Amino acid sequence: ARVLRSSPQFGVTLMTYELLQRFLYVDFGGSRPEGSEAKSVHLEDVLSRNPDHVGGFRVATATFDGIESKFGLMLPKFRSVAP
């Protein structure tokens, strides 16, 4: 019972220590942890310039290949129209 009680208590204590050190910039005698500063993200870096971008669809095509007939589903096949 003592091990089960002390393990979560240690986790909470460690998490509280880390949060205090990062958010309040309190130096408890150690060096400042690297990576504590959040990097700013610009919207242009996140959004795709391609208007037809669907996220990671190319990665998922192998997973969803042939799904229109799997599991008894009969889904329509959509084809993109070339301009």
PDB file of N, CA and C in Angstrom:
ATOM      1  N   ALA A   1       0.831  -1.196   0.000  1.00  0.00           N
ATOM      2  CA  ALA A   1       0.000   0.000   0.000  1.00  0.00           C
ATOM      3  C   ALA A   1       0.877   1.261   0.000  1.00  0.00           C
ATOM      4  N   ARG A   2       2.002   1.193   0.669  1.00  0.00           N
ATOM      5  CA  ARG A   2       2.868   2.364   0.750  1.00  0.00           C
ATOM      6  C   ARG A   2       3.436   2.714  -0.627  1.00  0.00           C
ATOM      7  N   VAL A   3       3.783   1.708  -1.421  1.00  0.00           N
ATOM      8  CA  VAL A   3       4.332   1.951  -2.755  1.00  0.00           C
ATOM      9  C   VAL A   3       3.270   2.561  -3.651  1.00  0.00           C
ATOM     10  N   LEU A   4       2.060   2.059  -3.583  1.00  0.00           N
ATOM     11  CA  LEU A   4       0.977   2.591  -4.410  1.00  0.00           C
ATOM     12  C   LEU A   4       0.645   4.029  -4.044  1.00  0.00           C
ATOM     13  N   ARG A   5       0.796   4.376  -2.766  1.00  0.00           N
ATOM     14  CA  ARG A   5       0.490   5.735  -2.333  1.00  0.00           C
ATOM     15  C   ARG A   5       1.633   6.691  -2.650  1.00  0.00           C
ATOM     16  N   SER A   6       2.871   6.246  -2.543  1.00  0.00           N
ATOM     17  CA  SER A   6       3.997   7.163  -2.704  1.00  0.00           C
ATOM     18  C   SER A   6       4.310   7.452  -4.166  1.00  0.00           C
ATOM     19  N   SER A   7       4.031   6.532  -5.061  1.00  0.00           N
ATOM     20  CA  SER A   7       4.346   6.752  -6.467  1.00  0.00           C
ATOM     21  C   SER A   7       3.551   7.914  -7.068  1.00  0.00           C
ATOM     22  N   PRO A   8       2.222   7.964  -6.927  1.00  0.00           N
ATOM     23  CA  PRO A   8       1.491   9.129  -7.447  1.00  0.00           C
ATOM     24  C   PRO A   8       1.858  10.423  -6.720  1.00  0.00           C
ATOM     25  N   GLN A   9       2.156  10.324  -5.431  1.00  0.00           N
ATOM     26  CA  GLN A   9       2.537  11.509  -4.675  1.00  0.00           C
ATOM     27  C   GLN A   9       3.847  12.074  -5.217  1.00  0.00           C
ATOM     28  N   PHE A  10       4.801  11.220  -5.557  1.00  0.00           N
ATOM     29  CA  PHE A  10       6.053  11.678  -6.146  1.00  0.00           C
ATOM     30  C   PHE A  10       5.806  12.309  -7.507  1.00  0.00           C
ATOM     31  N   GLY A  11       4.914  11.720  -8.302  1.00  0.00           N
ATOM     32  CA  GLY A  11       4.597  12.274  -9.614  1.00  0.00           C
ATOM     33  C   GLY A  11       4.005  13.666  -9.518  1.00  0.00           C
ATOM     34  N   VAL A  12       3.098  13.865  -8.573  1.00  0.00           N
ATOM     35  CA  VAL A  12       2.483  15.185  -8.388  1.00  0.00           C
ATOM     36  C   VAL A  12       3.522  16.187  -7.903  1.00  0.00           C
ATOM     37  N   THR A  13       4.392  15.761  -6.994  1.00  0.00           N
ATOM     38  CA  THR A  13       5.440  16.652  -6.494  1.00  0.00           C
ATOM     39  C   THR A  13       6.398  17.054  -7.610  1.00  0.00           C
ATOM     40  N   LEU A  14       6.802  16.105  -8.431  1.00  0.00           N
ATOM     41  CA  LEU A  14       7.709  16.397  -9.534  1.00  0.00           C
ATOM     42  C   LEU A  14       7.051  17.312 -10.556  1.00  0.00           C
ATOM     43  N   MET A  15       5.782  17.063 -10.873  1.00  0.00           N
ATOM     44  CA  MET A  15       5.076  17.907 -11.835  1.00  0.00           C
ATOM     45  C   MET A  15       4.936  19.334 -11.296  1.00  0.00           C
ATOM     46  N   THR A  16       4.624  19.476 -10.015  1.00  0.00           N
ATOM     47  CA  THR A  16       4.506  20.802  -9.417  1.00  0.00           C
ATOM     48  C   THR A  16       5.838  21.541  -9.460  1.00  0.00           C
ATOM     49  N   TYR A  17       6.921  20.845  -9.165  1.00  0.00           N
ATOM     50  CA  TYR A  17       8.254  21.443  -9.222  1.00  0.00           C
ATOM     51  C   TYR A  17       8.572  21.931 -10.627  1.00  0.00           C
ATOM     52  N   GLU A  18       8.300  21.095 -11.625  1.00  0.00           N
ATOM     53  CA  GLU A  18       8.585  21.472 -13.013  1.00  0.00           C
ATOM     54  C   GLU A  18       7.735  22.662 -13.446  1.00  0.00           C
ATOM     55  N   LEU A  19       6.467  22.662 -13.088  1.00  0.00           N
ATOM     56  CA  LEU A  19       5.592  23.770 -13.479  1.00  0.00           C
ATOM     57  C   LEU A  19       6.012  25.078 -12.818  1.00  0.00           C
ATOM     58  N   LEU A  20       6.360  25.018 -11.538  1.00  0.00           N
ATOM     59  CA  LEU A  20       6.827  26.227 -10.856  1.00  0.00           C
ATOM     60  C   LEU A  20       8.106  26.749 -11.500  1.00  0.00           C
ATOM     61  N   GLN A  21       9.004  25.857 -11.836  1.00  0.00           N
ATOM     62  CA  GLN A  21      10.275  26.274 -12.418  1.00  0.00           C
ATOM     63  C   GLN A  21      10.074  26.881 -13.803  1.00  0.00           C
ATOM     64  N   ARG A  22       9.137  26.354 -14.581  1.00  0.00           N
ATOM     65  CA  ARG A  22       8.939  26.848 -15.944  1.00  0.00           C
ATOM     66  C   ARG A  22       8.080  28.106 -15.996  1.00  0.00           C
ATOM     67  N   PHE A  23       6.997  28.134 -15.249  1.00  0.00           N
ATOM     68  CA  PHE A  23       6.065  29.257 -15.360  1.00  0.00           C
ATOM     69  C   PHE A  23       6.463  30.462 -14.522  1.00  0.00           C
ATOM     70  N   LEU A  24       7.028  30.233 -13.359  1.00  0.00           N
ATOM     71  CA  LEU A  24       7.396  31.343 -12.484  1.00  0.00           C
ATOM     72  C   LEU A  24       8.868  31.704 -12.611  1.00  0.00           C
ATOM     73  N   TYR A  25       9.603  30.970 -13.439  1.00  0.00           N
ATOM     74  CA  TYR A  25      11.030  31.199 -13.639  1.00  0.00           C
ATOM     75  C   TYR A  25      11.776  31.232 -12.308  1.00  0.00           C
ATOM     76  N   VAL A  26      11.426  30.314 -11.426  1.00  0.00           N
ATOM     77  CA  VAL A  26      12.081  30.213 -10.132  1.00  0.00           C
ATOM     78  C   VAL A  26      13.301  29.312 -10.288  1.00  0.00           C
ATOM     79  N   ASP A  27      14.446  29.788  -9.820  1.00  0.00           N
ATOM     80  CA  ASP A  27      15.655  28.989  -9.892  1.00  0.00           C
ATOM     81  C   ASP A  27      15.818  28.253  -8.575  1.00  0.00           C
ATOM     82  N   PHE A  28      15.682  26.949  -8.595  1.00  0.00           N
ATOM     83  CA  PHE A  28      15.811  26.147  -7.392  1.00  0.00           C
ATOM     84  C   PHE A  28      17.219  25.592  -7.250  1.00  0.00           C
ATOM     85  N   GLY A  29      18.198  26.317  -7.764  1.00  0.00           N
ATOM     86  CA  GLY A  29      19.577  25.882  -7.634  1.00  0.00           C
ATOM     87  C   GLY A  29      20.086  25.108  -8.829  1.00  0.00           C
ATOM     88  N   GLY A  30      19.245  24.852  -9.778  1.00  0.00           N
ATOM     89  CA  GLY A  30      19.670  24.121 -10.966  1.00  0.00           C
ATOM     90  C   GLY A  30      19.724  25.058 -12.157  1.00  0.00           C
ATOM     91  N   SER A  31      20.010  24.517 -13.292  1.00  0.00           N
ATOM     92  CA  SER A  31      20.023  25.336 -14.499  1.00  0.00           C
ATOM     93  C   SER A  31      18.618  25.392 -15.083  1.00  0.00           C
ATOM     94  N   ARG A  32      18.366  26.423 -15.841  1.00  0.00           N
ATOM     95  CA  ARG A  32      17.051  26.583 -16.448  1.00  0.00           C
ATOM     96  C   ARG A  32      16.861  25.498 -17.510  1.00  0.00           C
ATOM     97  N   PRO A  33      15.733  24.804 -17.486  1.00  0.00           N
ATOM     98  CA  PRO A  33      15.536  23.727 -18.450  1.00  0.00           C
ATOM     99  C   PRO A  33      15.415  24.263 -19.868  1.00  0.00           C
ATOM    100  N   GLU A  34      16.030  23.570 -20.797  1.00  0.00           N
ATOM    101  CA  GLU A  34      15.936  23.988 -22.188  1.00  0.00           C
ATOM    102  C   GLU A  34      14.586  23.577 -22.735  1.00  0.00           C
ATOM    103  N   GLY A  35      14.099  24.378 -23.655  1.00  0.00           N
ATOM    104  CA  GLY A  35      12.815  24.068 -24.263  1.00  0.00           C
ATOM    105  C   GLY A  35      11.629  24.582 -23.479  1.00  0.00           C
ATOM    106  N   SER A  36      11.870  25.404 -22.456  1.00  0.00           N
ATOM    107  CA  SER A  36      10.752  25.895 -21.663  1.00  0.00           C
ATOM    108  C   SER A  36      10.045  27.061 -22.339  1.00  0.00           C
ATOM    109  N   GLU A  37      10.689  27.663 -23.315  1.00  0.00           N
ATOM    110  CA  GLU A  37      10.064  28.765 -24.040  1.00  0.00           C
ATOM    111  C   GLU A  37       9.248  28.216 -25.201  1.00  0.00           C
ATOM    112  N   ALA A  38       8.017  28.655 -25.298  1.00  0.00           N
ATOM    113  CA  ALA A  38       7.171  28.230 -26.410  1.00  0.00           C
ATOM    114  C   ALA A  38       7.534  29.032 -27.652  1.00  0.00           C
ATOM    115  N   LYS A  39       7.689  28.333 -28.762  1.00  0.00           N
ATOM    116  CA  LYS A  39       8.016  29.003 -30.010  1.00  0.00           C
ATOM    117  C   LYS A  39       6.739  29.548 -30.626  1.00  0.00           C
ATOM    118  N   SER A  40       6.827  30.766 -31.159  1.00  0.00           N
ATOM    119  CA  SER A  40       5.651  31.344 -31.799  1.00  0.00           C
ATOM    120  C   SER A  40       5.476  30.727 -33.178  1.00  0.00           C
ATOM    121  N   VAL A  41       4.235  30.437 -33.514  1.00  0.00           N
ATOM    122  CA  VAL A  41       3.919  29.815 -34.793  1.00  0.00           C
ATOM    123  C   VAL A  41       3.135  30.814 -35.621  1.00  0.00           C
ATOM    124  N   HIS A  42       3.596  31.041 -36.844  1.00  0.00           N
ATOM    125  CA  HIS A  42       2.900  31.942 -37.745  1.00  0.00           C
ATOM    126  C   HIS A  42       1.892  31.152 -38.565  1.00  0.00           C
ATOM    127  N   LEU A  43       0.771  31.773 -38.876  1.00  0.00           N
ATOM    128  CA  LEU A  43      -0.295  31.102 -39.595  1.00  0.00           C
ATOM    129  C   LEU A  43       0.151  30.663 -40.980  1.00  0.00           C
ATOM    130  N   GLU A  44       1.028  31.430 -41.622  1.00  0.00           N
ATOM    131  CA  GLU A  44       1.501  31.058 -42.956  1.00  0.00           C
ATOM    132  C   GLU A  44       2.309  29.766 -42.921  1.00  0.00           C
ATOM    133  N   ASP A  45       2.984  29.505 -41.800  1.00  0.00           N
ATOM    134  CA  ASP A  45       3.781  28.290 -41.690  1.00  0.00           C
ATOM    135  C   ASP A  45       2.907  27.054 -41.511  1.00  0.00           C
ATOM    136  N   VAL A  46       1.723  27.238 -40.960  1.00  0.00           N
ATOM    137  CA  VAL A  46       0.850  26.111 -40.659  1.00  0.00           C
ATOM    138  C   VAL A  46      -0.046  25.771 -41.836  1.00  0.00           C
ATOM    139  N   LEU A  47      -0.624  26.774 -42.465  1.00  0.00           N
ATOM    140  CA  LEU A  47      -1.570  26.542 -43.543  1.00  0.00           C
ATOM    141  C   LEU A  47      -0.857  26.207 -44.845  1.00  0.00           C
ATOM    142  N   SER A  48      -1.473  25.359 -45.615  1.00  0.00           N
ATOM    143  CA  SER A  48      -0.923  24.985 -46.912  1.00  0.00           C
ATOM    144  C   SER A  48      -1.302  26.035 -47.941  1.00  0.00           C
ATOM    145  N   ARG A  49      -0.425  26.256 -48.890  1.00  0.00           N
ATOM    146  CA  ARG A  49      -0.723  27.201 -49.966  1.00  0.00           C
ATOM    147  C   ARG A  49      -1.585  26.544 -51.046  1.00  0.00           C
ATOM    148  N   ASN A  50      -1.688  25.238 -51.023  1.00  0.00           N
ATOM    149  CA  ASN A  50      -2.494  24.508 -51.988  1.00  0.00           C
ATOM    150  C   ASN A  50      -3.955  24.514 -51.528  1.00  0.00           C
ATOM    151  N   PRO A  51      -4.883  25.055 -52.322  1.00  0.00           N
ATOM    152  CA  PRO A  51      -6.287  25.109 -51.881  1.00  0.00           C
ATOM    153  C   PRO A  51      -6.932  23.731 -51.795  1.00  0.00           C
ATOM    154  N   ASP A  52      -6.376  22.729 -52.472  1.00  0.00           N
ATOM    155  CA  ASP A  52      -6.946  21.383 -52.443  1.00  0.00           C
ATOM    156  C   ASP A  52      -6.315  20.501 -51.366  1.00  0.00           C
ATOM    157  N   HIS A  53      -5.507  21.087 -50.492  1.00  0.00           N
ATOM    158  CA  HIS A  53      -4.812  20.320 -49.460  1.00  0.00           C
ATOM    159  C   HIS A  53      -5.817  19.760 -48.459  1.00  0.00           C
ATOM    160  N   VAL A  54      -5.708  18.471 -48.172  1.00  0.00           N
ATOM    161  CA  VAL A  54      -6.649  17.816 -47.273  1.00  0.00           C
ATOM    162  C   VAL A  54      -5.913  17.239 -46.062  1.00  0.00           C
ATOM    163  N   GLY A  55      -4.828  17.800 -45.678  1.00  0.00           N
ATOM    164  CA  GLY A  55      -4.088  17.270 -44.545  1.00  0.00           C
ATOM    165  C   GLY A  55      -3.189  16.129 -44.970  1.00  0.00           C
ATOM    166  N   GLY A  56      -3.167  15.066 -44.218  1.00  0.00           N
ATOM    167  CA  GLY A  56      -2.314  13.920 -44.524  1.00  0.00           C
ATOM    168  C   GLY A  56      -3.019  12.868 -45.349  1.00  0.00           C
ATOM    169  N   PHE A  57      -3.822  13.282 -46.315  1.00  0.00           N
ATOM    170  CA  PHE A  57      -4.609  12.332 -47.098  1.00  0.00           C
ATOM    171  C   PHE A  57      -3.734  11.376 -47.890  1.00  0.00           C
ATOM    172  N   ARG A  58      -2.599  11.843 -48.397  1.00  0.00           N
ATOM    173  CA  ARG A  58      -1.736  10.957 -49.184  1.00  0.00           C
ATOM    174  C   ARG A  58      -1.214   9.807 -48.338  1.00  0.00           C
ATOM    175  N   VAL A  59      -0.962  10.066 -47.078  1.00  0.00           N
ATOM    176  CA  VAL A  59      -0.490   9.011 -46.192  1.00  0.00           C
ATOM    177  C   VAL A  59      -1.605   8.005 -45.925  1.00  0.00           C
ATOM    178  N   ALA A  60      -2.836   8.494 -45.858  1.00  0.00           N
ATOM    179  CA  ALA A  60      -3.967   7.638 -45.521  1.00  0.00           C
ATOM    180  C   ALA A  60      -4.542   6.891 -46.714  1.00  0.00           C
ATOM    181  N   THR A  61      -4.098   7.185 -47.924  1.00  0.00           N
ATOM    182  CA  THR A  61      -4.687   6.526 -49.093  1.00  0.00           C
ATOM    183  C   THR A  61      -4.492   5.018 -49.057  1.00  0.00           C
ATOM    184  N   ALA A  62      -3.362   4.544 -48.561  1.00  0.00           N
ATOM    185  CA  ALA A  62      -3.156   3.096 -48.478  1.00  0.00           C
ATOM    186  C   ALA A  62      -4.141   2.459 -47.509  1.00  0.00           C
ATOM    187  N   THR A  63      -4.478   3.160 -46.446  1.00  0.00           N
ATOM    188  CA  THR A  63      -5.422   2.630 -45.469  1.00  0.00           C
ATOM    189  C   THR A  63      -6.830   2.574 -46.033  1.00  0.00           C
ATOM    190  N   PHE A  64      -7.226   3.608 -46.747  1.00  0.00           N
ATOM    191  CA  PHE A  64      -8.596   3.707 -47.228  1.00  0.00           C
ATOM    192  C   PHE A  64      -8.776   3.202 -48.654  1.00  0.00           C
ATOM    193  N   ASP A  65      -7.741   2.621 -49.238  1.00  0.00           N
ATOM    194  CA  ASP A  65      -7.842   2.116 -50.601  1.00  0.00           C
ATOM    195  C   ASP A  65      -8.829   0.953 -50.642  1.00  0.00           C
ATOM    196  N   GLY A  66      -9.844   1.084 -51.447  1.00  0.00           N
ATOM    197  CA  GLY A  66     -10.849   0.043 -51.590  1.00  0.00           C
ATOM    198  C   GLY A  66     -11.899   0.026 -50.506  1.00  0.00           C
ATOM    199  N   ILE A  67     -11.984   1.049 -49.670  1.00  0.00           N
ATOM    200  CA  ILE A  67     -12.947   1.048 -48.571  1.00  0.00           C
ATOM    201  C   ILE A  67     -14.391   1.173 -49.061  1.00  0.00           C
ATOM    202  N   GLU A  68     -14.556   1.628 -50.321  1.00  0.00           N
ATOM    203  CA  GLU A  68     -15.924   1.779 -50.814  1.00  0.00           C
ATOM    204  C   GLU A  68     -16.627   0.432 -50.968  1.00  0.00           C
ATOM    205  N   SER A  69     -15.876  -0.661 -50.966  1.00  0.00           N
ATOM    206  CA  SER A  69     -16.513  -1.975 -51.059  1.00  0.00           C
ATOM    207  C   SER A  69     -16.223  -2.863 -49.845  1.00  0.00           C
ATOM    208  N   LYS A  70     -15.472  -2.366 -48.872  1.00  0.00           N
ATOM    209  CA  LYS A  70     -15.176  -3.149 -47.675  1.00  0.00           C
ATOM    210  C   LYS A  70     -16.341  -3.083 -46.693  1.00  0.00           C
ATOM    211  N   PHE A  71     -16.441  -4.077 -45.850  1.00  0.00           N
ATOM    212  CA  PHE A  71     -17.419  -4.128 -44.765  1.00  0.00           C
ATOM    213  C   PHE A  71     -18.856  -4.049 -45.270  1.00  0.00           C
ATOM    214  N   GLY A  72     -19.104  -4.441 -46.494  1.00  0.00           N
ATOM    215  CA  GLY A  72     -20.459  -4.395 -47.024  1.00  0.00           C
ATOM    216  C   GLY A  72     -20.923  -3.003 -47.384  1.00  0.00           C
ATOM    217  N   LEU A  73     -20.031  -2.032 -47.364  1.00  0.00           N
ATOM    218  CA  LEU A  73     -20.404  -0.665 -47.717  1.00  0.00           C
ATOM    219  C   LEU A  73     -20.320  -0.496 -49.224  1.00  0.00           C
ATOM    220  N   MET A  74     -21.252   0.214 -49.771  1.00  0.00           N
ATOM    221  CA  MET A  74     -21.200   0.557 -51.191  1.00  0.00           C
ATOM    222  C   MET A  74     -21.213   2.076 -51.302  1.00  0.00           C
ATOM    223  N   LEU A  75     -20.050   2.672 -51.214  1.00  0.00           N
ATOM    224  CA  LEU A  75     -19.924   4.124 -51.255  1.00  0.00           C
ATOM    225  C   LEU A  75     -19.591   4.562 -52.671  1.00  0.00           C
ATOM    226  N   PRO A  76     -20.059   5.728 -53.073  1.00  0.00           N
ATOM    227  CA  PRO A  76     -19.729   6.203 -54.420  1.00  0.00           C
ATOM    228  C   PRO A  76     -18.249   6.564 -54.517  1.00  0.00           C
ATOM    229  N   LYS A  77     -17.690   6.353 -55.690  1.00  0.00           N
ATOM    230  CA  LYS A  77     -16.295   6.718 -55.933  1.00  0.00           C
ATOM    231  C   LYS A  77     -16.266   8.124 -56.502  1.00  0.00           C
ATOM    232  N   PHE A  78     -15.451   8.967 -55.906  1.00  0.00           N
ATOM    233  CA  PHE A  78     -15.318  10.343 -56.366  1.00  0.00           C
ATOM    234  C   PHE A  78     -13.995  10.493 -57.094  1.00  0.00           C
ATOM    235  N   ARG A  79     -14.036  11.091 -58.225  1.00  0.00           N
ATOM    236  CA  ARG A  79     -12.828  11.358 -58.993  1.00  0.00           C
ATOM    237  C   ARG A  79     -12.686  12.861 -59.145  1.00  0.00           C
ATOM    238  N   SER A  80     -11.466  13.354 -59.043  1.00  0.00           N
ATOM    239  CA  SER A  80     -11.248  14.784 -59.238  1.00  0.00           C
ATOM    240  C   SER A  80     -11.242  15.081 -60.732  1.00  0.00           C
ATOM    241  N   VAL A  81     -11.841  16.183 -61.087  1.00  0.00           N
ATOM    242  CA  VAL A  81     -11.935  16.581 -62.483  1.00  0.00           C
ATOM    243  C   VAL A  81     -10.705  17.399 -62.829  1.00  0.00           C
ATOM    244  N   ALA A  82      -9.998  16.989 -63.868  1.00  0.00           N
ATOM    245  CA  ALA A  82      -8.810  17.724 -64.297  1.00  0.00           C
ATOM    246  C   ALA A  82      -9.234  18.982 -65.042  1.00  0.00           C
ATOM    247  N   PRO A  83      -8.592  20.126 -64.777  1.00  0.00           N
ATOM    248  CA  PRO A  83      -9.003  21.370 -65.449  1.00  0.00           C
ATOM    249  C   PRO A  83      -8.634  21.394 -66.911  1.00  0.00           C
TER     250      PRO A  83
END
